[in-house]
Amino acid sequence: MYNIRTNVLINQEMQATLEYLAKAKKKTRAEIIRQLIVAAKPKGKEVNTKVEALANIRRLRKNINTKGVDYKKLVEDGRKY
């Protein structure tokens, strides 16, 4: 399901090419544009910032030493402010 709308300004030549491709492939202009975007995506490169961010957080957490941390004291100190 698509839930993001965008507007793209194109010239008359691009418009004519887009119309030609849409008619030739019997698809909407939007479908042609989506296919071109997917085709332009680098192979093997995942474009998902949420997944990348989570992976980075997990990687960084491995280097944190939490032994000896009194979480109860931290929470109590945080409630003072």
PDB file of N, CA and C in Angstrom:
ATOM      1  N   MET A   1       0.835  -1.170   0.000  1.00  0.00           N
ATOM      2  CA  MET A   1       0.000   0.000   0.000  1.00  0.00           C
ATOM      3  C   MET A   1       0.885   1.239   0.000  1.00  0.00           C
ATOM      4  N   TYR A   2       0.538   2.189  -0.803  1.00  0.00           N
ATOM      5  CA  TYR A   2       1.302   3.426  -0.902  1.00  0.00           C
ATOM      6  C   TYR A   2       0.629   4.489  -0.062  1.00  0.00           C
ATOM      7  N   ASN A   3       1.408   5.180   0.762  1.00  0.00           N
ATOM      8  CA  ASN A   3       0.811   6.186   1.630  1.00  0.00           C
ATOM      9  C   ASN A   3       1.563   7.517   1.619  1.00  0.00           C
ATOM     10  N   ILE A   4       2.489   7.680   0.690  1.00  0.00           N
ATOM     11  CA  ILE A   4       3.212   8.935   0.571  1.00  0.00           C
ATOM     12  C   ILE A   4       2.994   9.487  -0.829  1.00  0.00           C
ATOM     13  N   ARG A   5       2.595  10.739  -0.891  1.00  0.00           N
ATOM     14  CA  ARG A   5       2.340  11.398  -2.179  1.00  0.00           C
ATOM     15  C   ARG A   5       3.470  12.379  -2.437  1.00  0.00           C
ATOM     16  N   THR A   6       3.881  12.447  -3.697  1.00  0.00           N
ATOM     17  CA  THR A   6       4.907  13.412  -4.080  1.00  0.00           C
ATOM     18  C   THR A   6       4.566  14.003  -5.436  1.00  0.00           C
ATOM     19  N   ASN A   7       5.026  15.204  -5.676  1.00  0.00           N
ATOM     20  CA  ASN A   7       4.831  15.861  -6.966  1.00  0.00           C
ATOM     21  C   ASN A   7       6.187  16.025  -7.628  1.00  0.00           C
ATOM     22  N   VAL A   8       6.221  15.779  -8.923  1.00  0.00           N
ATOM     23  CA  VAL A   8       7.458  15.895  -9.679  1.00  0.00           C
ATOM     24  C   VAL A   8       7.198  16.780 -10.885  1.00  0.00           C
ATOM     25  N   LEU A   9       8.034  17.789 -11.060  1.00  0.00           N
ATOM     26  CA  LEU A   9       7.914  18.641 -12.228  1.00  0.00           C
ATOM     27  C   LEU A   9       8.771  18.054 -13.348  1.00  0.00           C
ATOM     28  N   ILE A  10       8.165  17.859 -14.517  1.00  0.00           N
ATOM     29  CA  ILE A  10       8.881  17.325 -15.665  1.00  0.00           C
ATOM     30  C   ILE A  10       8.605  18.205 -16.877  1.00  0.00           C
ATOM     31  N   ASN A  11       9.460  18.104 -17.886  1.00  0.00           N
ATOM     32  CA  ASN A  11       9.240  18.901 -19.091  1.00  0.00           C
ATOM     33  C   ASN A  11       8.341  18.134 -20.074  1.00  0.00           C
ATOM     34  N   GLN A  12       8.020  18.747 -21.188  1.00  0.00           N
ATOM     35  CA  GLN A  12       7.086  18.136 -22.149  1.00  0.00           C
ATOM     36  C   GLN A  12       7.640  16.853 -22.748  1.00  0.00           C
ATOM     37  N   GLU A  13       8.940  16.815 -22.983  1.00  0.00           N
ATOM     38  CA  GLU A  13       9.552  15.606 -23.549  1.00  0.00           C
ATOM     39  C   GLU A  13       9.435  14.431 -22.572  1.00  0.00           C
ATOM     40  N   MET A  14       9.687  14.691 -21.302  1.00  0.00           N
ATOM     41  CA  MET A  14       9.547  13.644 -20.284  1.00  0.00           C
ATOM     42  C   MET A  14       8.100  13.191 -20.176  1.00  0.00           C
ATOM     43  N   GLN A  15       7.180  14.134 -20.237  1.00  0.00           N
ATOM     44  CA  GLN A  15       5.755  13.813 -20.183  1.00  0.00           C
ATOM     45  C   GLN A  15       5.368  12.908 -21.351  1.00  0.00           C
ATOM     46  N   ALA A  16       5.843  13.240 -22.544  1.00  0.00           N
ATOM     47  CA  ALA A  16       5.531  12.434 -23.720  1.00  0.00           C
ATOM     48  C   ALA A  16       6.106  11.021 -23.582  1.00  0.00           C
ATOM     49  N   THR A  17       7.322  10.930 -23.065  1.00  0.00           N
ATOM     50  CA  THR A  17       7.946   9.615 -22.847  1.00  0.00           C
ATOM     51  C   THR A  17       7.165   8.810 -21.819  1.00  0.00           C
ATOM     52  N   LEU A  18       6.761   9.458 -20.757  1.00  0.00           N
ATOM     53  CA  LEU A  18       5.988   8.790 -19.711  1.00  0.00           C
ATOM     54  C   LEU A  18       4.651   8.292 -20.256  1.00  0.00           C
ATOM     55  N   GLU A  19       3.974   9.119 -21.021  1.00  0.00           N
ATOM     56  CA  GLU A  19       2.703   8.718 -21.631  1.00  0.00           C
ATOM     57  C   GLU A  19       2.903   7.527 -22.575  1.00  0.00           C
ATOM     58  N   TYR A  20       3.975   7.587 -23.380  1.00  0.00           N
ATOM     59  CA  TYR A  20       4.265   6.499 -24.322  1.00  0.00           C
ATOM     60  C   TYR A  20       4.492   5.184 -23.574  1.00  0.00           C
ATOM     61  N   LEU A  21       5.320   5.234 -22.521  1.00  0.00           N
ATOM     62  CA  LEU A  21       5.602   4.021 -21.742  1.00  0.00           C
ATOM     63  C   LEU A  21       4.336   3.484 -21.083  1.00  0.00           C
ATOM     64  N   ALA A  22       3.523   4.372 -20.544  1.00  0.00           N
ATOM     65  CA  ALA A  22       2.287   3.947 -19.876  1.00  0.00           C
ATOM     66  C   ALA A  22       1.350   3.256 -20.856  1.00  0.00           C
ATOM     67  N   LYS A  23       1.187   3.824 -22.049  1.00  0.00           N
ATOM     68  CA  LYS A  23       0.306   3.212 -23.040  1.00  0.00           C
ATOM     69  C   LYS A  23       0.886   1.906 -23.564  1.00  0.00           C
ATOM     70  N   ALA A  24       2.190   1.894 -23.824  1.00  0.00           N
ATOM     71  CA  ALA A  24       2.836   0.694 -24.370  1.00  0.00           C
ATOM     72  C   ALA A  24       2.770  -0.478 -23.397  1.00  0.00           C
ATOM     73  N   LYS A  25       2.900  -0.199 -22.117  1.00  0.00           N
ATOM     74  CA  LYS A  25       2.894  -1.263 -21.103  1.00  0.00           C
ATOM     75  C   LYS A  25       1.533  -1.450 -20.455  1.00  0.00           C
ATOM     76  N   LYS A  26       0.563  -0.624 -20.867  1.00  0.00           N
ATOM     77  CA  LYS A  26      -0.798  -0.681 -20.320  1.00  0.00           C
ATOM     78  C   LYS A  26      -0.782  -0.571 -18.795  1.00  0.00           C
ATOM     79  N   LYS A  27      -0.065   0.439 -18.333  1.00  0.00           N
ATOM     80  CA  LYS A  27       0.043   0.719 -16.900  1.00  0.00           C
ATOM     81  C   LYS A  27      -0.195   2.202 -16.682  1.00  0.00           C
ATOM     82  N   THR A  28      -0.440   2.564 -15.443  1.00  0.00           N
ATOM     83  CA  THR A  28      -0.609   3.980 -15.140  1.00  0.00           C
ATOM     84  C   THR A  28       0.758   4.657 -15.104  1.00  0.00           C
ATOM     85  N   ARG A  29       0.741   5.976 -15.211  1.00  0.00           N
ATOM     86  CA  ARG A  29       2.002   6.726 -15.121  1.00  0.00           C
ATOM     87  C   ARG A  29       2.666   6.494 -13.765  1.00  0.00           C
ATOM     88  N   ALA A  30       1.856   6.427 -12.722  1.00  0.00           N
ATOM     89  CA  ALA A  30       2.400   6.197 -11.382  1.00  0.00           C
ATOM     90  C   ALA A  30       3.101   4.843 -11.304  1.00  0.00           C
ATOM     91  N   GLU A  31       2.504   3.819 -11.907  1.00  0.00           N
ATOM     92  CA  GLU A  31       3.132   2.491 -11.894  1.00  0.00           C
ATOM     93  C   GLU A  31       4.467   2.498 -12.637  1.00  0.00           C
ATOM     94  N   ILE A  32       4.521   3.226 -13.748  1.00  0.00           N
ATOM     95  CA  ILE A  32       5.774   3.330 -14.508  1.00  0.00           C
ATOM     96  C   ILE A  32       6.842   4.008 -13.654  1.00  0.00           C
ATOM     97  N   ILE A  33       6.484   5.092 -12.990  1.00  0.00           N
ATOM     98  CA  ILE A  33       7.442   5.815 -12.144  1.00  0.00           C
ATOM     99  C   ILE A  33       7.917   4.933 -10.997  1.00  0.00           C
ATOM    100  N   ARG A  34       6.997   4.208 -10.354  1.00  0.00           N
ATOM    101  CA  ARG A  34       7.384   3.309  -9.256  1.00  0.00           C
ATOM    102  C   ARG A  34       8.353   2.244  -9.737  1.00  0.00           C
ATOM    103  N   GLN A  35       8.080   1.659 -10.910  1.00  0.00           N
ATOM    104  CA  GLN A  35       8.964   0.632 -11.457  1.00  0.00           C
ATOM    105  C   GLN A  35      10.359   1.190 -11.724  1.00  0.00           C
ATOM    106  N   LEU A  36      10.430   2.408 -12.240  1.00  0.00           N
ATOM    107  CA  LEU A  36      11.720   3.032 -12.509  1.00  0.00           C
ATOM    108  C   LEU A  36      12.489   3.309 -11.221  1.00  0.00           C
ATOM    109  N   ILE A  37      11.779   3.704 -10.175  1.00  0.00           N
ATOM    110  CA  ILE A  37      12.435   3.947  -8.889  1.00  0.00           C
ATOM    111  C   ILE A  37      12.984   2.647  -8.323  1.00  0.00           C
ATOM    112  N   VAL A  38      12.194   1.590  -8.386  1.00  0.00           N
ATOM    113  CA  VAL A  38      12.649   0.284  -7.893  1.00  0.00           C
ATOM    114  C   VAL A  38      13.852  -0.195  -8.694  1.00  0.00           C
ATOM    115  N   ALA A  39      13.817  -0.011 -10.007  1.00  0.00           N
ATOM    116  CA  ALA A  39      14.926  -0.441 -10.860  1.00  0.00           C
ATOM    117  C   ALA A  39      16.199   0.351 -10.573  1.00  0.00           C
ATOM    118  N   ALA A  40      16.067   1.584 -10.115  1.00  0.00           N
ATOM    119  CA  ALA A  40      17.231   2.432  -9.847  1.00  0.00           C
ATOM    120  C   ALA A  40      17.873   2.145  -8.489  1.00  0.00           C
ATOM    121  N   LYS A  41      17.186   1.393  -7.638  1.00  0.00           N
ATOM    122  CA  LYS A  41      17.705   1.089  -6.305  1.00  0.00           C
ATOM    123  C   LYS A  41      18.953   0.214  -6.433  1.00  0.00           C
ATOM    124  N   PRO A  42      20.029   0.569  -5.723  1.00  0.00           N
ATOM    125  CA  PRO A  42      21.254  -0.232  -5.797  1.00  0.00           C
ATOM    126  C   PRO A  42      21.009  -1.672  -5.339  1.00  0.00           C
ATOM    127  N   LYS A  43      21.581  -2.602  -6.063  1.00  0.00           N
ATOM    128  CA  LYS A  43      21.422  -4.022  -5.729  1.00  0.00           C
ATOM    129  C   LYS A  43      22.100  -4.331  -4.401  1.00  0.00           C
ATOM    130  N   GLY A  44      21.413  -5.078  -3.547  1.00  0.00           N
ATOM    131  CA  GLY A  44      21.966  -5.492  -2.269  1.00  0.00           C
ATOM    132  C   GLY A  44      21.995  -4.396  -1.220  1.00  0.00           C
ATOM    133  N   LYS A  45      21.518  -3.223  -1.558  1.00  0.00           N
ATOM    134  CA  LYS A  45      21.516  -2.108  -0.602  1.00  0.00           C
ATOM    135  C   LYS A  45      20.104  -1.938  -0.062  1.00  0.00           C
ATOM    136  N   GLU A  46      19.921  -2.236   1.210  1.00  0.00           N
ATOM    137  CA  GLU A  46      18.611  -2.098   1.840  1.00  0.00           C
ATOM    138  C   GLU A  46      18.400  -0.644   2.224  1.00  0.00           C
ATOM    139  N   VAL A  47      17.316  -0.084   1.763  1.00  0.00           N
ATOM    140  CA  VAL A  47      17.009   1.313   2.071  1.00  0.00           C
ATOM    141  C   VAL A  47      15.904   1.315   3.122  1.00  0.00           C
ATOM    142  N   ASN A  48      16.299   1.064   4.351  1.00  0.00           N
ATOM    143  CA  ASN A  48      15.338   1.021   5.434  1.00  0.00           C
ATOM    144  C   ASN A  48      16.006   1.609   6.670  1.00  0.00           C
ATOM    145  N   THR A  49      15.808   2.859   6.905  1.00  0.00           N
ATOM    146  CA  THR A  49      16.523   3.549   7.970  1.00  0.00           C
ATOM    147  C   THR A  49      16.165   3.029   9.356  1.00  0.00           C
ATOM    148  N   LYS A  50      14.940   2.550   9.545  1.00  0.00           N
ATOM    149  CA  LYS A  50      14.559   2.031  10.861  1.00  0.00           C
ATOM    150  C   LYS A  50      15.351   0.768  11.178  1.00  0.00           C
ATOM    151  N   VAL A  51      15.485  -0.111  10.212  1.00  0.00           N
ATOM    152  CA  VAL A  51      16.241  -1.344  10.412  1.00  0.00           C
ATOM    153  C   VAL A  51      17.716  -1.024  10.645  1.00  0.00           C
ATOM    154  N   GLU A  52      18.252  -0.085   9.854  1.00  0.00           N
ATOM    155  CA  GLU A  52      19.652   0.313  10.017  1.00  0.00           C
ATOM    156  C   GLU A  52      19.888   0.931  11.385  1.00  0.00           C
ATOM    157  N   ALA A  53      18.973   1.767  11.837  1.00  0.00           N
ATOM    158  CA  ALA A  53      19.112   2.416  13.140  1.00  0.00           C
ATOM    159  C   ALA A  53      19.088   1.387  14.264  1.00  0.00           C
ATOM    160  N   LEU A  54      18.185   0.434  14.180  1.00  0.00           N
ATOM    161  CA  LEU A  54      18.101  -0.607  15.206  1.00  0.00           C
ATOM    162  C   LEU A  54      19.379  -1.441  15.228  1.00  0.00           C
ATOM    163  N   ALA A  55      19.907  -1.771  14.070  1.00  0.00           N
ATOM    164  CA  ALA A  55      21.155  -2.535  14.002  1.00  0.00           C
ATOM    165  C   ALA A  55      22.299  -1.750  14.625  1.00  0.00           C
ATOM    166  N   ASN A  56      22.345  -0.441  14.381  1.00  0.00           N
ATOM    167  CA  ASN A  56      23.392   0.390  14.977  1.00  0.00           C
ATOM    168  C   ASN A  56      23.260   0.452  16.487  1.00  0.00           C
ATOM    169  N   ILE A  57      22.048   0.569  16.977  1.00  0.00           N
ATOM    170  CA  ILE A  57      21.818   0.588  18.432  1.00  0.00           C
ATOM    171  C   ILE A  57      22.286  -0.712  19.055  1.00  0.00           C
ATOM    172  N   ARG A  58      21.928  -1.822  18.443  1.00  0.00           N
ATOM    173  CA  ARG A  58      22.348  -3.129  18.984  1.00  0.00           C
ATOM    174  C   ARG A  58      23.867  -3.267  18.968  1.00  0.00           C
ATOM    175  N   ARG A  59      24.502  -2.783  17.906  1.00  0.00           N
ATOM    176  CA  ARG A  59      25.960  -2.854  17.796  1.00  0.00           C
ATOM    177  C   ARG A  59      26.608  -2.014  18.891  1.00  0.00           C
ATOM    178  N   LEU A  60      26.083  -0.813  19.119  1.00  0.00           N
ATOM    179  CA  LEU A  60      26.647   0.068  20.136  1.00  0.00           C
ATOM    180  C   LEU A  60      26.420  -0.460  21.547  1.00  0.00           C
ATOM    181  N   ARG A  61      25.300  -1.104  21.783  1.00  0.00           N
ATOM    182  CA  ARG A  61      24.985  -1.614  23.127  1.00  0.00           C
ATOM    183  C   ARG A  61      25.939  -2.717  23.557  1.00  0.00           C
ATOM    184  N   LYS A  62      26.516  -3.424  22.584  1.00  0.00           N
ATOM    185  CA  LYS A  62      27.456  -4.504  22.926  1.00  0.00           C
ATOM    186  C   LYS A  62      28.683  -3.966  23.640  1.00  0.00           C
ATOM    187  N   ASN A  63      29.041  -2.714  23.383  1.00  0.00           N
ATOM    188  CA  ASN A  63      30.248  -2.129  23.959  1.00  0.00           C
ATOM    189  C   ASN A  63      30.009  -1.419  25.290  1.00  0.00           C
ATOM    190  N   ILE A  64      28.788  -1.443  25.787  1.00  0.00           N
ATOM    191  CA  ILE A  64      28.469  -0.740  27.027  1.00  0.00           C
ATOM    192  C   ILE A  64      28.575  -1.712  28.195  1.00  0.00           C
ATOM    193  N   ASN A  65      29.333  -1.322  29.210  1.00  0.00           N
ATOM    194  CA  ASN A  65      29.492  -2.148  30.400  1.00  0.00           C
ATOM    195  C   ASN A  65      28.503  -1.668  31.457  1.00  0.00           C
ATOM    196  N   THR A  66      27.499  -2.476  31.753  1.00  0.00           N
ATOM    197  CA  THR A  66      26.477  -2.091  32.737  1.00  0.00           C
ATOM    198  C   THR A  66      26.612  -2.866  34.044  1.00  0.00           C
ATOM    199  N   LYS A  67      27.706  -3.599  34.196  1.00  0.00           N
ATOM    200  CA  LYS A  67      27.899  -4.356  35.439  1.00  0.00           C
ATOM    201  C   LYS A  67      28.117  -3.390  36.591  1.00  0.00           C
ATOM    202  N   GLY A  68      27.424  -3.615  37.675  1.00  0.00           N
ATOM    203  CA  GLY A  68      27.566  -2.776  38.852  1.00  0.00           C
ATOM    204  C   GLY A  68      26.697  -1.527  38.838  1.00  0.00           C
ATOM    205  N   VAL A  69      25.859  -1.350  37.822  1.00  0.00           N
ATOM    206  CA  VAL A  69      25.002  -0.173  37.764  1.00  0.00           C
ATOM    207  C   VAL A  69      23.763  -0.427  38.625  1.00  0.00           C
ATOM    208  N   ASP A  70      23.476   0.504  39.524  1.00  0.00           N
ATOM    209  CA  ASP A  70      22.306   0.407  40.394  1.00  0.00           C
ATOM    210  C   ASP A  70      21.154   1.157  39.716  1.00  0.00           C
ATOM    211  N   TYR A  71      20.346   0.418  38.972  1.00  0.00           N
ATOM    212  CA  TYR A  71      19.263   1.036  38.199  1.00  0.00           C
ATOM    213  C   TYR A  71      18.211   1.673  39.105  1.00  0.00           C
ATOM    214  N   LYS A  72      17.953   1.071  40.243  1.00  0.00           N
ATOM    215  CA  LYS A  72      16.976   1.617  41.174  1.00  0.00           C
ATOM    216  C   LYS A  72      17.423   3.010  41.638  1.00  0.00           C
ATOM    217  N   LYS A  73      18.700   3.158  41.949  1.00  0.00           N
ATOM    218  CA  LYS A  73      19.230   4.452  42.369  1.00  0.00           C
ATOM    219  C   LYS A  73      19.151   5.465  41.222  1.00  0.00           C
ATOM    220  N   LEU A  74      19.439   5.029  40.012  1.00  0.00           N
ATOM    221  CA  LEU A  74      19.339   5.926  38.865  1.00  0.00           C
ATOM    222  C   LEU A  74      17.916   6.449  38.693  1.00  0.00           C
ATOM    223  N   VAL A  75      16.940   5.551  38.828  1.00  0.00           N
ATOM    224  CA  VAL A  75      15.541   5.951  38.686  1.00  0.00           C
ATOM    225  C   VAL A  75      15.152   6.919  39.790  1.00  0.00           C
ATOM    226  N   GLU A  76      15.541   6.608  41.016  1.00  0.00           N
ATOM    227  CA  GLU A  76      15.212   7.489  42.137  1.00  0.00           C
ATOM    228  C   GLU A  76      15.856   8.859  41.969  1.00  0.00           C
ATOM    229  N   ASP A  77      17.107   8.912  41.512  1.00  0.00           N
ATOM    230  CA  ASP A  77      17.772  10.186  41.277  1.00  0.00           C
ATOM    231  C   ASP A  77      17.068  10.954  40.152  1.00  0.00           C
ATOM    232  N   GLY A  78      16.616  10.267  39.134  1.00  0.00           N
ATOM    233  CA  GLY A  78      15.934  10.915  38.020  1.00  0.00           C
ATOM    234  C   GLY A  78      14.590  11.508  38.418  1.00  0.00           C
ATOM    235  N   ARG A  79      13.956  10.914  39.391  1.00  0.00           N
ATOM    236  CA  ARG A  79      12.652  11.421  39.859  1.00  0.00           C
ATOM    237  C   ARG A  79      12.787  12.714  40.656  1.00  0.00           C
ATOM    238  N   LYS A  80      13.964  13.040  41.106  1.00  0.00           N
ATOM    239  CA  LYS A  80      14.174  14.271  41.880  1.00  0.00           C
ATOM    240  C   LYS A  80      14.011  15.497  40.985  1.00  0.00           C
ATOM    241  N   TYR A  81      14.225  15.338  39.699  1.00  0.00           N
ATOM    242  CA  TYR A  81      14.203  16.487  38.787  1.00  0.00           C
ATOM    243  C   TYR A  81      12.926  16.479  38.054  1.00  0.00           C
TER     244      TYR A  81
END
